[in-house]
Amino acid sequence: MEIRTITFSDIKNVHHLIDEAFGQIDEAELVAKLRHDDDVIVELVAVMKGVIVGHIMLSKMCSPIRSLGLAPVSVSPTHQGKGIGSALIVTAIAQAKQSQWESIFVLGDLNYYSKFGFKENTAKPYSSPYAGPHFGAIELIKGSLQKEGVAAYAKAFSYLS
């Protein structure tokens, strides 16, 4: 499996993959809006035998520190459970850290995301409409999330139903 940065020629296949992975169009439309608004910082695909089987995006957030939002992570239903999502998350976190981002927030199953270091307690100092048991964060720079503030996702997230 190869993990690489998305290319323009991948966009149509990624859109289809996201639709297939989530069984609806909301997440694919979110990705398109984030691209349109130029809020994408990291966007990667996982490729097996020339076929895109996974996708991940990190987008800019508005917070007191340099923060990113992880969403969505998509893996083709026929390839789920094979570590593709995990490999994408690990690679995206490494790229964000290398680029000096201070934190990443996620909205999802923290039983899953905790294995990458995301914790609800780490996100607690930040108010967000998503705050609660499914809202977590990871510090990429130690001590960066000690401040309080607002963790606001990019504008495109406001269109999600």
C-alpha atoms as a PDB file:
ATOM      1  CA  MET A   1       0.000   0.000   0.000  1.00  0.00           C
ATOM      2  CA  GLU A   2       1.183   3.495  -0.850  1.00  0.00           C
ATOM      3  CA  ILE A   3       0.098   6.615   1.029  1.00  0.00           C
ATOM      4  CA  ARG A   4       0.576   9.822  -0.906  1.00  0.00           C
ATOM      5  CA  THR A   5      -0.708  13.347  -1.310  1.00  0.00           C
ATOM      6  CA  ILE A   6      -3.869  13.599  -3.386  1.00  0.00           C
ATOM      7  CA  THR A   7      -3.588  14.803  -6.989  1.00  0.00           C
ATOM      8  CA  PHE A   8      -6.146  16.636  -9.105  1.00  0.00           C
ATOM      9  CA  SER A   9      -6.787  13.471 -11.118  1.00  0.00           C
ATOM     10  CA  ASP A  10      -7.735  11.622  -7.894  1.00  0.00           C
ATOM     11  CA  ILE A  11     -10.610  13.941  -6.934  1.00  0.00           C
ATOM     12  CA  LYS A  12     -13.422  12.141  -8.781  1.00  0.00           C
ATOM     13  CA  ASN A  13     -12.353   8.731  -7.431  1.00  0.00           C
ATOM     14  CA  VAL A  14     -11.992  10.123  -3.895  1.00  0.00           C
ATOM     15  CA  HIS A  15     -15.492  11.628  -4.078  1.00  0.00           C
ATOM     16  CA  HIS A  16     -16.885   8.198  -5.030  1.00  0.00           C
ATOM     17  CA  LEU A  17     -14.841   6.486  -2.294  1.00  0.00           C
ATOM     18  CA  ILE A  18     -16.156   8.856   0.396  1.00  0.00           C
ATOM     19  CA  ASP A  19     -19.765   8.348  -0.788  1.00  0.00           C
ATOM     20  CA  GLU A  20     -19.252   4.581  -0.685  1.00  0.00           C
ATOM     21  CA  ALA A  21     -17.548   4.597   2.727  1.00  0.00           C
ATOM     22  CA  PHE A  22     -20.228   6.713   4.417  1.00  0.00           C
ATOM     23  CA  GLY A  23     -23.260   5.612   2.394  1.00  0.00           C
ATOM     24  CA  GLN A  24     -24.293   9.253   1.852  1.00  0.00           C
ATOM     25  CA  ILE A  25     -23.013  12.385   0.120  1.00  0.00           C
ATOM     26  CA  ASP A  26     -22.594  14.732   3.110  1.00  0.00           C
ATOM     27  CA  GLU A  27     -18.932  13.925   3.788  1.00  0.00           C
ATOM     28  CA  ALA A  28     -17.954  14.085   0.099  1.00  0.00           C
ATOM     29  CA  GLU A  29     -19.637  17.484  -0.158  1.00  0.00           C
ATOM     30  CA  LEU A  30     -17.792  18.605   2.991  1.00  0.00           C
ATOM     31  CA  VAL A  31     -14.467  17.638   1.403  1.00  0.00           C
ATOM     32  CA  ALA A  32     -15.353  19.537  -1.788  1.00  0.00           C
ATOM     33  CA  LYS A  33     -16.310  22.651   0.222  1.00  0.00           C
ATOM     34  CA  LEU A  34     -13.116  22.501   2.290  1.00  0.00           C
ATOM     35  CA  ARG A  35     -11.085  22.343  -0.929  1.00  0.00           C
ATOM     36  CA  HIS A  36     -13.104  25.177  -2.460  1.00  0.00           C
ATOM     37  CA  ASP A  37     -12.574  27.364   0.619  1.00  0.00           C
ATOM     38  CA  ASP A  38      -8.825  26.588   0.617  1.00  0.00           C
ATOM     39  CA  ASP A  39      -8.995  25.215   4.173  1.00  0.00           C
ATOM     40  CA  VAL A  40      -7.205  21.920   3.433  1.00  0.00           C
ATOM     41  CA  ILE A  41      -3.780  21.463   5.016  1.00  0.00           C
ATOM     42  CA  VAL A  42      -3.190  17.718   4.596  1.00  0.00           C
ATOM     43  CA  GLU A  43      -5.038  15.490   2.142  1.00  0.00           C
ATOM     44  CA  LEU A  44      -3.783  11.976   1.567  1.00  0.00           C
ATOM     45  CA  VAL A  45      -4.914   8.861  -0.263  1.00  0.00           C
ATOM     46  CA  ALA A  46      -4.074   5.211   0.250  1.00  0.00           C
ATOM     47  CA  VAL A  47      -3.511   3.317  -2.983  1.00  0.00           C
ATOM     48  CA  MET A  48      -3.409  -0.449  -3.506  1.00  0.00           C
ATOM     49  CA  LYS A  49      -2.630  -1.916  -6.915  1.00  0.00           C
ATOM     50  CA  GLY A  50      -3.375   1.451  -8.542  1.00  0.00           C
ATOM     51  CA  VAL A  51      -6.786   1.832  -6.854  1.00  0.00           C
ATOM     52  CA  ILE A  52      -7.565   4.474  -4.230  1.00  0.00           C
ATOM     53  CA  VAL A  53      -8.855   2.597  -1.176  1.00  0.00           C
ATOM     54  CA  GLY A  54      -8.575   5.287   1.504  1.00  0.00           C
ATOM     55  CA  HIS A  55      -8.606   9.045   2.072  1.00  0.00           C
ATOM     56  CA  ILE A  56      -7.979  11.462   4.942  1.00  0.00           C
ATOM     57  CA  MET A  57      -8.173  15.220   5.322  1.00  0.00           C
ATOM     58  CA  LEU A  58      -6.895  17.684   7.918  1.00  0.00           C
ATOM     59  CA  SER A  59      -8.319  21.190   7.660  1.00  0.00           C
ATOM     60  CA  LYS A  60      -7.627  24.526   9.340  1.00  0.00           C
ATOM     61  CA  MET A  61      -9.468  25.376  12.528  1.00  0.00           C
ATOM     62  CA  CYS A  62      -9.917  28.693  14.256  1.00  0.00           C
ATOM     63  CA  SER A  63      -8.465  28.436  17.761  1.00  0.00           C
ATOM     64  CA  PRO A  64      -5.963  30.315  19.942  1.00  0.00           C
ATOM     65  CA  ILE A  65      -3.244  27.978  18.663  1.00  0.00           C
ATOM     66  CA  ARG A  66      -2.390  26.441  15.290  1.00  0.00           C
ATOM     67  CA  SER A  67      -4.979  23.645  15.186  1.00  0.00           C
ATOM     68  CA  LEU A  68      -6.325  21.268  12.581  1.00  0.00           C
ATOM     69  CA  GLY A  69      -9.525  19.250  12.357  1.00  0.00           C
ATOM     70  CA  LEU A  70      -9.322  15.597  11.336  1.00  0.00           C
ATOM     71  CA  ALA A  71     -12.279  14.715   9.129  1.00  0.00           C
ATOM     72  CA  PRO A  72     -13.204  12.744   7.304  1.00  0.00           C
ATOM     73  CA  VAL A  73     -11.298   9.454   7.195  1.00  0.00           C
ATOM     74  CA  SER A  74     -12.684   7.148   4.528  1.00  0.00           C
ATOM     75  CA  VAL A  75     -11.827   3.580   3.620  1.00  0.00           C
ATOM     76  CA  SER A  76     -13.506   1.533   0.925  1.00  0.00           C
ATOM     77  CA  PRO A  77     -15.949  -0.902   2.573  1.00  0.00           C
ATOM     78  CA  THR A  78     -14.180  -3.838   0.886  1.00  0.00           C
ATOM     79  CA  HIS A  79     -10.868  -2.786   2.486  1.00  0.00           C
ATOM     80  CA  GLN A  80     -12.007  -1.828   5.996  1.00  0.00           C
ATOM     81  CA  GLY A  81     -10.423  -3.575   8.951  1.00  0.00           C
ATOM     82  CA  LYS A  82      -7.036  -3.900   7.237  1.00  0.00           C
ATOM     83  CA  GLY A  83      -5.237  -0.998   8.933  1.00  0.00           C
ATOM     84  CA  ILE A  84      -5.658   1.474   6.062  1.00  0.00           C
ATOM     85  CA  GLY A  85      -7.453   4.097   8.164  1.00  0.00           C
ATOM     86  CA  SER A  86      -4.834   3.746  10.896  1.00  0.00           C
ATOM     87  CA  ALA A  87      -1.987   4.173   8.413  1.00  0.00           C
ATOM     88  CA  LEU A  88      -3.639   7.288   6.994  1.00  0.00           C
ATOM     89  CA  ILE A  89      -4.145   8.790  10.467  1.00  0.00           C
ATOM     90  CA  VAL A  90      -0.558   8.099  11.560  1.00  0.00           C
ATOM     91  CA  THR A  91       0.817   9.608   8.338  1.00  0.00           C
ATOM     92  CA  ALA A  92      -1.436  12.687   8.548  1.00  0.00           C
ATOM     93  CA  ILE A  93      -0.451  13.309  12.180  1.00  0.00           C
ATOM     94  CA  ALA A  94       3.236  13.012  11.264  1.00  0.00           C
ATOM     95  CA  GLN A  95       2.853  15.507   8.400  1.00  0.00           C
ATOM     96  CA  ALA A  96       1.012  17.992  10.634  1.00  0.00           C
ATOM     97  CA  LYS A  97       3.671  17.677  13.320  1.00  0.00           C
ATOM     98  CA  GLN A  98       6.452  18.155  10.763  1.00  0.00           C
ATOM     99  CA  SER A  99       4.718  21.342   9.584  1.00  0.00           C
ATOM    100  CA  GLN A 100       4.697  22.743  13.138  1.00  0.00           C
ATOM    101  CA  TRP A 101       0.942  22.497  13.764  1.00  0.00           C
ATOM    102  CA  GLU A 102       0.258  22.467  17.502  1.00  0.00           C
ATOM    103  CA  SER A 103      -2.832  20.272  17.823  1.00  0.00           C
ATOM    104  CA  ILE A 104      -5.457  18.247  16.007  1.00  0.00           C
ATOM    105  CA  PHE A 105      -9.115  17.930  17.054  1.00  0.00           C
ATOM    106  CA  VAL A 106     -11.379  15.058  16.059  1.00  0.00           C
ATOM    107  CA  LEU A 107     -15.068  14.316  16.334  1.00  0.00           C
ATOM    108  CA  GLY A 108     -15.672  10.584  16.428  1.00  0.00           C
ATOM    109  CA  ASP A 109     -15.391   7.375  18.381  1.00  0.00           C
ATOM    110  CA  LEU A 110     -12.674   8.090  20.932  1.00  0.00           C
ATOM    111  CA  ASN A 111     -12.380   4.367  21.662  1.00  0.00           C
ATOM    112  CA  TYR A 112     -10.875   4.196  18.172  1.00  0.00           C
ATOM    113  CA  TYR A 113      -9.053   7.552  18.022  1.00  0.00           C
ATOM    114  CA  SER A 114      -7.502   7.168  21.487  1.00  0.00           C
ATOM    115  CA  LYS A 115      -4.998   4.678  20.082  1.00  0.00           C
ATOM    116  CA  PHE A 116      -3.492   7.628  18.159  1.00  0.00           C
ATOM    117  CA  GLY A 117      -3.395   9.829  21.278  1.00  0.00           C
ATOM    118  CA  PHE A 118      -6.714  11.691  20.957  1.00  0.00           C
ATOM    119  CA  LYS A 119      -8.392  12.283  24.323  1.00  0.00           C
ATOM    120  CA  GLU A 120     -11.583  13.959  25.457  1.00  0.00           C
ATOM    121  CA  ASN A 121      -9.787  15.570  28.425  1.00  0.00           C
ATOM    122  CA  THR A 122      -7.247  17.179  26.106  1.00  0.00           C
ATOM    123  CA  ALA A 123     -10.076  18.939  24.221  1.00  0.00           C
ATOM    124  CA  LYS A 124     -12.027  19.976  27.342  1.00  0.00           C
ATOM    125  CA  PRO A 125     -10.495  23.470  27.750  1.00  0.00           C
ATOM    126  CA  TYR A 126     -11.934  24.337  24.316  1.00  0.00           C
ATOM    127  CA  SER A 127     -15.540  25.230  23.768  1.00  0.00           C
ATOM    128  CA  SER A 128     -17.087  23.802  20.638  1.00  0.00           C
ATOM    129  CA  PRO A 129     -20.576  22.896  19.458  1.00  0.00           C
ATOM    130  CA  TYR A 130     -19.189  19.350  19.291  1.00  0.00           C
ATOM    131  CA  ALA A 131     -17.821  19.262  22.854  1.00  0.00           C
ATOM    132  CA  GLY A 132     -18.600  16.057  24.690  1.00  0.00           C
ATOM    133  CA  PRO A 133     -17.665  12.400  24.764  1.00  0.00           C
ATOM    134  CA  HIS A 134     -16.948  12.238  21.022  1.00  0.00           C
ATOM    135  CA  PHE A 135     -14.768  15.359  20.827  1.00  0.00           C
ATOM    136  CA  GLY A 136     -11.067  14.782  21.378  1.00  0.00           C
ATOM    137  CA  ALA A 137      -7.718  16.350  20.692  1.00  0.00           C
ATOM    138  CA  ILE A 138      -4.049  15.517  20.503  1.00  0.00           C
ATOM    139  CA  GLU A 139      -1.163  17.851  21.251  1.00  0.00           C
ATOM    140  CA  LEU A 140       1.511  17.867  18.577  1.00  0.00           C
ATOM    141  CA  ILE A 141       3.596  20.298  20.620  1.00  0.00           C
ATOM    142  CA  LYS A 142       3.648  19.446  24.322  1.00  0.00           C
ATOM    143  CA  GLY A 143       1.641  21.902  26.425  1.00  0.00           C
ATOM    144  CA  SER A 144      -0.018  23.580  23.442  1.00  0.00           C
ATOM    145  CA  LEU A 145      -3.560  22.770  24.611  1.00  0.00           C
ATOM    146  CA  GLN A 146      -3.075  24.154  28.109  1.00  0.00           C
ATOM    147  CA  LYS A 147      -4.773  27.395  27.060  1.00  0.00           C
ATOM    148  CA  GLU A 148      -8.538  27.822  27.008  1.00  0.00           C
ATOM    149  CA  GLY A 149     -10.493  29.016  24.038  1.00  0.00           C
ATOM    150  CA  VAL A 150     -12.764  28.105  21.201  1.00  0.00           C
ATOM    151  CA  ALA A 151     -12.070  25.304  18.751  1.00  0.00           C
ATOM    152  CA  ALA A 152     -14.036  26.220  15.634  1.00  0.00           C
ATOM    153  CA  TYR A 153     -14.004  23.999  12.578  1.00  0.00           C
ATOM    154  CA  ALA A 154     -13.761  25.517   9.107  1.00  0.00           C
ATOM    155  CA  LYS A 155     -16.922  27.139   7.737  1.00  0.00           C
ATOM    156  CA  ALA A 156     -17.680  24.138   5.516  1.00  0.00           C
ATOM    157  CA  PHE A 157     -18.566  22.044   8.599  1.00  0.00           C
ATOM    158  CA  SER A 158     -21.552  24.311   9.279  1.00  0.00           C
ATOM    159  CA  TYR A 159     -23.259  22.847   6.204  1.00  0.00           C
ATOM    160  CA  LEU A 160     -23.311  19.310   7.625  1.00  0.00           C
ATOM    161  CA  SER A 161     -26.732  18.103   8.654  1.00  0.00           C
END
